[in-house]
Amino acid sequence: NVNGDIGIIGNTGTDDLYSTNWFDNLYLNGSTSGITDILGTMSSPFLLSASANSAISVNGYLIGNDRATVGRPWDGIVAEVLAFGTKLSVSDRQKIEGYLAHKWGVSVESPNTVQAAKDSSSNALHGILKKKFAPPSLSTLDLWLDAADTSTITHSSNAVSQWSDKSGNDYHHTTNLGSPTTNTQQVNGKNVVAFDGNDGLSLTNASLGDLINGTNNDMA
């Protein structure tokens, strides 16, 4: 990976992501994805998962902009960010995708979260059973930013100053560029954080190298 980093970065003026060098595995809405011509899909609510196959060490973590290079901003919304200390198994990745898809109304079929429910009453009222699942069910959860939980977002007149980590590791993110906003947009009836291309939230009390060792990042 580039300088040992991992990230999901746009490529200004194209419908592509910046480089495959930023990850070893990429999944868009639950399916294996390349980096070209994908921003059309990303113009409506989507799930994106990136992972590396070996340990990484990253100095810094930024949501909404590139850490060091201008011209690679995010102009859109972020609903939820999850990071794990190891690359997830296929089963665990699909559990996360199923959780995010159900919560944010994205069309992703995850075989680990949806099962046929058989009616044993002889009335043939069969249906679908959705297993309850939450990110803390996975012990390797290191970072959890959840815009739907508005109690985790500190703001003044909707201008975000801090987005607090729900993982219990206190990897809170504070605004270091522009002014991301909250309570201005929703996805599936839930709050999201909006970025206008000039905003950024950075990790305040650790580098991503402290946070992640051979990683999996999932976001909606």
C-alpha atoms as a PDB file:
ATOM      1  CA  ASN A   1       0.000   0.000   0.000  1.00  0.00           C
ATOM      2  CA  VAL A   2       1.140   3.592  -0.595  1.00  0.00           C
ATOM      3  CA  ASN A   3       3.434   4.504   2.310  1.00  0.00           C
ATOM      4  CA  GLY A   4       1.717   1.750   4.278  1.00  0.00           C
ATOM      5  CA  ASP A   5      -1.523   3.748   4.155  1.00  0.00           C
ATOM      6  CA  ILE A   6      -5.087   2.662   3.539  1.00  0.00           C
ATOM      7  CA  GLY A   7      -7.872   4.901   2.284  1.00  0.00           C
ATOM      8  CA  ILE A   8     -10.750   5.592  -0.071  1.00  0.00           C
ATOM      9  CA  ILE A   9      -9.909   8.667  -2.138  1.00  0.00           C
ATOM     10  CA  GLY A  10     -11.640  10.258  -5.126  1.00  0.00           C
ATOM     11  CA  ASN A  11      -9.843  11.262  -8.322  1.00  0.00           C
ATOM     12  CA  THR A  12     -10.889  14.805  -9.253  1.00  0.00           C
ATOM     13  CA  GLY A  13     -12.463  15.164 -12.704  1.00  0.00           C
ATOM     14  CA  THR A  14     -13.162  11.429 -13.152  1.00  0.00           C
ATOM     15  CA  ASP A  15     -15.692   8.804 -12.057  1.00  0.00           C
ATOM     16  CA  ASP A  16     -12.864   6.756 -10.542  1.00  0.00           C
ATOM     17  CA  LEU A  17     -11.233   6.294  -7.183  1.00  0.00           C
ATOM     18  CA  TYR A  18      -7.675   7.546  -6.968  1.00  0.00           C
ATOM     19  CA  SER A  19      -5.661   4.310  -6.875  1.00  0.00           C
ATOM     20  CA  THR A  20      -5.810   0.594  -6.139  1.00  0.00           C
ATOM     21  CA  ASN A  21      -2.628   1.111  -4.121  1.00  0.00           C
ATOM     22  CA  TRP A  22      -4.736   2.295  -1.183  1.00  0.00           C
ATOM     23  CA  PHE A  23      -6.259  -1.133  -0.459  1.00  0.00           C
ATOM     24  CA  ASP A  24      -6.082  -4.797  -1.445  1.00  0.00           C
ATOM     25  CA  ASN A  25      -9.814  -5.505  -1.405  1.00  0.00           C
ATOM     26  CA  LEU A  26     -12.759  -3.242  -2.277  1.00  0.00           C
ATOM     27  CA  TYR A  27     -16.476  -4.042  -2.034  1.00  0.00           C
ATOM     28  CA  LEU A  28     -19.222  -1.710  -3.218  1.00  0.00           C
ATOM     29  CA  ASN A  29     -22.728  -2.547  -1.976  1.00  0.00           C
ATOM     30  CA  GLY A  30     -21.509  -6.000  -1.009  1.00  0.00           C
ATOM     31  CA  SER A  31     -19.913  -6.925  -4.342  1.00  0.00           C
ATOM     32  CA  THR A  32     -16.240  -6.982  -5.349  1.00  0.00           C
ATOM     33  CA  SER A  33     -15.452  -3.725  -7.133  1.00  0.00           C
ATOM     34  CA  GLY A  34     -12.770  -2.092  -9.211  1.00  0.00           C
ATOM     35  CA  ILE A  35     -12.020   1.637  -9.000  1.00  0.00           C
ATOM     36  CA  THR A  36     -13.140   2.862 -12.436  1.00  0.00           C
ATOM     37  CA  ASP A  37     -16.542   4.339 -13.283  1.00  0.00           C
ATOM     38  CA  ILE A  38     -17.981   3.740  -9.827  1.00  0.00           C
ATOM     39  CA  LEU A  39     -18.880   7.255  -8.678  1.00  0.00           C
ATOM     40  CA  GLY A  40     -22.224   7.008 -10.461  1.00  0.00           C
ATOM     41  CA  THR A  41     -23.207   4.236  -8.042  1.00  0.00           C
ATOM     42  CA  MET A  42     -21.793   6.300  -5.187  1.00  0.00           C
ATOM     43  CA  SER A  43     -24.078   9.233  -6.068  1.00  0.00           C
ATOM     44  CA  SER A  44     -26.929   7.474  -4.218  1.00  0.00           C
ATOM     45  CA  PRO A  45     -26.694   5.821  -0.759  1.00  0.00           C
ATOM     46  CA  PHE A  46     -24.015   3.113  -0.865  1.00  0.00           C
ATOM     47  CA  LEU A  47     -21.831   0.870   1.300  1.00  0.00           C
ATOM     48  CA  LEU A  48     -18.084   0.709   0.717  1.00  0.00           C
ATOM     49  CA  SER A  49     -15.641  -1.676   2.363  1.00  0.00           C
ATOM     50  CA  ALA A  50     -11.864  -1.551   1.937  1.00  0.00           C
ATOM     51  CA  SER A  51      -9.311  -3.851   3.506  1.00  0.00           C
ATOM     52  CA  ALA A  52      -5.612  -4.684   3.433  1.00  0.00           C
ATOM     53  CA  ASN A  53      -4.192  -8.196   3.479  1.00  0.00           C
ATOM     54  CA  SER A  54      -1.279  -7.338   5.775  1.00  0.00           C
ATOM     55  CA  ALA A  55      -0.487  -5.014   8.658  1.00  0.00           C
ATOM     56  CA  ILE A  56      -0.340  -1.289   7.961  1.00  0.00           C
ATOM     57  CA  SER A  57       0.852   1.769   9.850  1.00  0.00           C
ATOM     58  CA  VAL A  58      -0.829   5.076   9.064  1.00  0.00           C
ATOM     59  CA  ASN A  59       0.095   8.447  10.517  1.00  0.00           C
ATOM     60  CA  GLY A  60      -3.223  10.243  10.787  1.00  0.00           C
ATOM     61  CA  TYR A  61      -6.832   9.680   9.779  1.00  0.00           C
ATOM     62  CA  LEU A  62      -9.133  12.151   8.052  1.00  0.00           C
ATOM     63  CA  ILE A  63     -12.752  11.943   6.924  1.00  0.00           C
ATOM     64  CA  GLY A  64     -13.876  14.335   4.178  1.00  0.00           C
ATOM     65  CA  ASN A  65     -10.501  15.152   2.619  1.00  0.00           C
ATOM     66  CA  ASP A  66      -7.097  13.718   1.829  1.00  0.00           C
ATOM     67  CA  ARG A  67      -4.628  14.030   4.703  1.00  0.00           C
ATOM     68  CA  ALA A  68      -1.898  15.688   2.663  1.00  0.00           C
ATOM     69  CA  THR A  69      -3.050  16.472  -0.880  1.00  0.00           C
ATOM     70  CA  VAL A  70      -5.572  19.087  -2.010  1.00  0.00           C
ATOM     71  CA  GLY A  71      -8.040  18.297  -4.781  1.00  0.00           C
ATOM     72  CA  ARG A  72      -9.259  15.015  -3.291  1.00  0.00           C
ATOM     73  CA  PRO A  73     -12.257  16.102  -1.193  1.00  0.00           C
ATOM     74  CA  TRP A  74     -15.562  14.414  -0.388  1.00  0.00           C
ATOM     75  CA  ASP A  75     -18.582  16.484  -1.440  1.00  0.00           C
ATOM     76  CA  GLY A  76     -21.475  14.503   0.018  1.00  0.00           C
ATOM     77  CA  ILE A  77     -22.652  12.798   3.174  1.00  0.00           C
ATOM     78  CA  VAL A  78     -21.273  10.204   5.573  1.00  0.00           C
ATOM     79  CA  ALA A  79     -23.685   8.181   7.672  1.00  0.00           C
ATOM     80  CA  GLU A  80     -21.508   5.673   9.505  1.00  0.00           C
ATOM     81  CA  VAL A  81     -17.831   4.677   9.666  1.00  0.00           C
ATOM     82  CA  LEU A  82     -16.533   1.400  11.110  1.00  0.00           C
ATOM     83  CA  ALA A  83     -12.903   0.309  11.394  1.00  0.00           C
ATOM     84  CA  PHE A  84     -11.610  -3.040  12.644  1.00  0.00           C
ATOM     85  CA  GLY A  85      -8.217  -4.098  13.960  1.00  0.00           C
ATOM     86  CA  THR A  86      -7.882  -6.982  11.502  1.00  0.00           C
ATOM     87  CA  LYS A  87      -9.165  -7.874   8.061  1.00  0.00           C
ATOM     88  CA  LEU A  88     -12.648  -9.327   8.521  1.00  0.00           C
ATOM     89  CA  SER A  89     -13.603 -12.802   7.396  1.00  0.00           C
ATOM     90  CA  VAL A  90     -16.106 -12.971   4.536  1.00  0.00           C
ATOM     91  CA  SER A  91     -18.805 -13.941   7.035  1.00  0.00           C
ATOM     92  CA  ASP A  92     -18.082 -11.008   9.365  1.00  0.00           C
ATOM     93  CA  ARG A  93     -17.827  -8.544   6.478  1.00  0.00           C
ATOM     94  CA  GLN A  94     -21.234  -9.676   5.255  1.00  0.00           C
ATOM     95  CA  LYS A  95     -22.668  -9.263   8.745  1.00  0.00           C
ATOM     96  CA  ILE A  96     -21.486  -5.654   8.789  1.00  0.00           C
ATOM     97  CA  GLU A  97     -22.817  -5.049   5.281  1.00  0.00           C
ATOM     98  CA  GLY A  98     -26.182  -6.532   6.247  1.00  0.00           C
ATOM     99  CA  TYR A  99     -26.356  -4.369   9.377  1.00  0.00           C
ATOM    100  CA  LEU A 100     -25.530  -1.187   7.444  1.00  0.00           C
ATOM    101  CA  ALA A 101     -27.809  -2.035   4.517  1.00  0.00           C
ATOM    102  CA  HIS A 102     -30.830  -2.649   6.733  1.00  0.00           C
ATOM    103  CA  LYS A 103     -30.169   0.460   8.829  1.00  0.00           C
ATOM    104  CA  TRP A 104     -29.541   2.887   5.950  1.00  0.00           C
ATOM    105  CA  GLY A 105     -31.879   1.418   3.339  1.00  0.00           C
ATOM    106  CA  VAL A 106     -29.227   0.278   0.865  1.00  0.00           C
ATOM    107  CA  SER A 107     -29.985  -2.713  -1.356  1.00  0.00           C
ATOM    108  CA  VAL A 108     -27.435  -5.345  -0.330  1.00  0.00           C
ATOM    109  CA  GLU A 109     -28.261  -9.004   0.164  1.00  0.00           C
ATOM    110  CA  SER A 110     -26.157 -10.482   2.956  1.00  0.00           C
ATOM    111  CA  PRO A 111     -26.575 -14.238   3.437  1.00  0.00           C
ATOM    112  CA  ASN A 112     -25.458 -14.020   7.061  1.00  0.00           C
ATOM    113  CA  THR A 113     -28.202 -11.626   8.160  1.00  0.00           C
ATOM    114  CA  VAL A 114     -31.247 -12.829   6.233  1.00  0.00           C
ATOM    115  CA  GLN A 115     -32.739 -16.298   6.662  1.00  0.00           C
ATOM    116  CA  ALA A 116     -35.978 -17.969   5.694  1.00  0.00           C
ATOM    117  CA  ALA A 117     -38.371 -18.169   8.659  1.00  0.00           C
ATOM    118  CA  LYS A 118     -40.531 -21.336   8.701  1.00  0.00           C
ATOM    119  CA  ASP A 119     -43.975 -21.198  10.305  1.00  0.00           C
ATOM    120  CA  SER A 120     -44.461 -24.277  12.519  1.00  0.00           C
ATOM    121  CA  SER A 121     -48.157 -23.569  13.202  1.00  0.00           C
ATOM    122  CA  SER A 122     -49.274 -25.382  10.039  1.00  0.00           C
ATOM    123  CA  ASN A 123     -50.701 -22.098   8.723  1.00  0.00           C
ATOM    124  CA  ALA A 124     -47.897 -21.724   6.158  1.00  0.00           C
ATOM    125  CA  LEU A 125     -47.227 -18.116   7.225  1.00  0.00           C
ATOM    126  CA  HIS A 126     -43.598 -18.243   6.187  1.00  0.00           C
ATOM    127  CA  GLY A 127     -41.494 -15.093   6.027  1.00  0.00           C
ATOM    128  CA  ILE A 128     -38.075 -13.576   6.497  1.00  0.00           C
ATOM    129  CA  LEU A 129     -36.169 -13.569   9.789  1.00  0.00           C
ATOM    130  CA  LYS A 130     -33.549 -10.863  10.267  1.00  0.00           C
ATOM    131  CA  LYS A 131     -30.963 -11.574  12.964  1.00  0.00           C
ATOM    132  CA  LYS A 132     -30.231  -8.704  15.319  1.00  0.00           C
ATOM    133  CA  PHE A 133     -26.625  -7.606  14.921  1.00  0.00           C
ATOM    134  CA  ALA A 134     -24.562  -4.622  16.025  1.00  0.00           C
ATOM    135  CA  PRO A 135     -20.887  -3.781  15.381  1.00  0.00           C
ATOM    136  CA  PRO A 136     -19.743  -4.439  19.006  1.00  0.00           C
ATOM    137  CA  SER A 137     -20.601  -8.098  18.369  1.00  0.00           C
ATOM    138  CA  LEU A 138     -17.194  -8.247  16.651  1.00  0.00           C
ATOM    139  CA  SER A 139     -14.342  -8.049  19.155  1.00  0.00           C
ATOM    140  CA  THR A 140     -11.960  -6.374  16.689  1.00  0.00           C
ATOM    141  CA  LEU A 141     -14.095  -3.218  16.388  1.00  0.00           C
ATOM    142  CA  ASP A 142     -11.778  -0.242  16.912  1.00  0.00           C
ATOM    143  CA  LEU A 143     -13.743   2.743  15.599  1.00  0.00           C
ATOM    144  CA  TRP A 144     -17.486   3.394  15.286  1.00  0.00           C
ATOM    145  CA  LEU A 145     -18.865   6.728  14.120  1.00  0.00           C
ATOM    146  CA  ASP A 146     -22.671   6.695  13.863  1.00  0.00           C
ATOM    147  CA  ALA A 147     -24.442   9.834  12.655  1.00  0.00           C
ATOM    148  CA  ALA A 148     -27.855   8.319  13.430  1.00  0.00           C
ATOM    149  CA  ASP A 149     -26.932   8.587  17.118  1.00  0.00           C
ATOM    150  CA  THR A 150     -27.069  12.374  17.315  1.00  0.00           C
ATOM    151  CA  SER A 151     -25.927  12.303  20.954  1.00  0.00           C
ATOM    152  CA  THR A 152     -22.423  11.481  19.631  1.00  0.00           C
ATOM    153  CA  ILE A 153     -22.188  14.682  17.568  1.00  0.00           C
ATOM    154  CA  THR A 154     -21.148  17.957  19.179  1.00  0.00           C
ATOM    155  CA  HIS A 155     -22.225  20.997  17.167  1.00  0.00           C
ATOM    156  CA  SER A 156     -23.126  24.675  17.284  1.00  0.00           C
ATOM    157  CA  SER A 157     -26.045  25.649  15.042  1.00  0.00           C
ATOM    158  CA  ASN A 158     -25.461  22.351  13.161  1.00  0.00           C
ATOM    159  CA  ALA A 159     -21.734  23.059  12.535  1.00  0.00           C
ATOM    160  CA  VAL A 160     -19.952  19.917  13.774  1.00  0.00           C
ATOM    161  CA  SER A 161     -17.012  20.305  16.128  1.00  0.00           C
ATOM    162  CA  GLN A 162     -16.692  16.647  17.253  1.00  0.00           C
ATOM    163  CA  TRP A 163     -17.996  13.246  16.162  1.00  0.00           C
ATOM    164  CA  SER A 164     -17.506  10.839  19.052  1.00  0.00           C
ATOM    165  CA  ASP A 165     -16.422   7.230  18.754  1.00  0.00           C
ATOM    166  CA  LYS A 166     -18.979   4.665  20.031  1.00  0.00           C
ATOM    167  CA  SER A 167     -16.519   1.750  20.100  1.00  0.00           C
ATOM    168  CA  GLY A 168     -15.377   2.563  23.631  1.00  0.00           C
ATOM    169  CA  ASN A 169     -11.841   3.337  22.440  1.00  0.00           C
ATOM    170  CA  ASP A 170     -12.343   7.124  22.466  1.00  0.00           C
ATOM    171  CA  TYR A 171     -11.103   7.646  18.916  1.00  0.00           C
ATOM    172  CA  HIS A 172     -13.137  10.839  18.637  1.00  0.00           C
ATOM    173  CA  HIS A 173     -12.865  12.994  15.508  1.00  0.00           C
ATOM    174  CA  THR A 174     -12.790  16.786  15.607  1.00  0.00           C
ATOM    175  CA  THR A 175     -13.216  19.295  12.797  1.00  0.00           C
ATOM    176  CA  ASN A 176      -9.898  20.454  11.359  1.00  0.00           C
ATOM    177  CA  LEU A 177     -11.115  21.734   7.967  1.00  0.00           C
ATOM    178  CA  GLY A 178     -14.150  23.834   7.130  1.00  0.00           C
ATOM    179  CA  SER A 179     -17.433  23.039   8.809  1.00  0.00           C
ATOM    180  CA  PRO A 180     -19.169  19.689   8.343  1.00  0.00           C
ATOM    181  CA  THR A 181     -22.858  19.917   9.246  1.00  0.00           C
ATOM    182  CA  THR A 182     -25.370  17.758  11.076  1.00  0.00           C
ATOM    183  CA  ASN A 183     -29.179  17.796  11.235  1.00  0.00           C
ATOM    184  CA  THR A 184     -29.358  19.113   7.655  1.00  0.00           C
ATOM    185  CA  GLN A 185     -29.841  15.880   5.681  1.00  0.00           C
ATOM    186  CA  GLN A 186     -31.180  12.372   6.271  1.00  0.00           C
ATOM    187  CA  VAL A 187     -30.867   8.906   4.739  1.00  0.00           C
ATOM    188  CA  ASN A 188     -33.627   6.387   5.426  1.00  0.00           C
ATOM    189  CA  GLY A 189     -35.046   8.792   8.015  1.00  0.00           C
ATOM    190  CA  LYS A 190     -31.763   8.995   9.947  1.00  0.00           C
ATOM    191  CA  ASN A 191     -29.307  11.847  10.470  1.00  0.00           C
ATOM    192  CA  VAL A 192     -26.062  12.032   8.481  1.00  0.00           C
ATOM    193  CA  VAL A 193     -23.005  14.318   8.495  1.00  0.00           C
ATOM    194  CA  ALA A 194     -22.649  16.483   5.358  1.00  0.00           C
ATOM    195  CA  PHE A 195     -19.367  17.583   3.738  1.00  0.00           C
ATOM    196  CA  ASP A 196     -19.172  20.270   1.029  1.00  0.00           C
ATOM    197  CA  GLY A 197     -15.727  19.475  -0.393  1.00  0.00           C
ATOM    198  CA  ASN A 198     -13.920  21.852   1.949  1.00  0.00           C
ATOM    199  CA  ASP A 199     -14.459  20.007   5.230  1.00  0.00           C
ATOM    200  CA  GLY A 200     -12.549  17.446   7.262  1.00  0.00           C
ATOM    201  CA  LEU A 201     -12.773  15.565  10.550  1.00  0.00           C
ATOM    202  CA  SER A 202      -9.513  14.204  11.970  1.00  0.00           C
ATOM    203  CA  LEU A 203      -8.609  11.667  14.627  1.00  0.00           C
ATOM    204  CA  THR A 204      -7.542  13.621  17.679  1.00  0.00           C
ATOM    205  CA  ASN A 205      -5.859  11.237  20.109  1.00  0.00           C
ATOM    206  CA  ALA A 206      -4.097   8.567  18.055  1.00  0.00           C
ATOM    207  CA  SER A 207      -2.758   7.755  14.635  1.00  0.00           C
ATOM    208  CA  LEU A 208      -4.454   5.121  12.523  1.00  0.00           C
ATOM    209  CA  GLY A 209      -1.320   3.054  13.030  1.00  0.00           C
ATOM    210  CA  ASP A 210      -2.292   2.840  16.699  1.00  0.00           C
ATOM    211  CA  LEU A 211      -5.838   2.038  15.692  1.00  0.00           C
ATOM    212  CA  ILE A 212      -5.530  -0.575  12.997  1.00  0.00           C
ATOM    213  CA  ASN A 213      -3.223  -3.510  12.296  1.00  0.00           C
ATOM    214  CA  GLY A 214      -4.057  -5.280   9.018  1.00  0.00           C
ATOM    215  CA  THR A 215      -7.332  -3.487   8.650  1.00  0.00           C
ATOM    216  CA  ASN A 216     -10.908  -3.395   7.459  1.00  0.00           C
ATOM    217  CA  ASN A 217     -12.741  -0.085   6.934  1.00  0.00           C
ATOM    218  CA  ASP A 218     -16.484  -0.035   6.270  1.00  0.00           C
ATOM    219  CA  MET A 219     -18.587   3.041   5.641  1.00  0.00           C
ATOM    220  CA  ALA A 220     -22.057   4.047   4.578  1.00  0.00           C
END
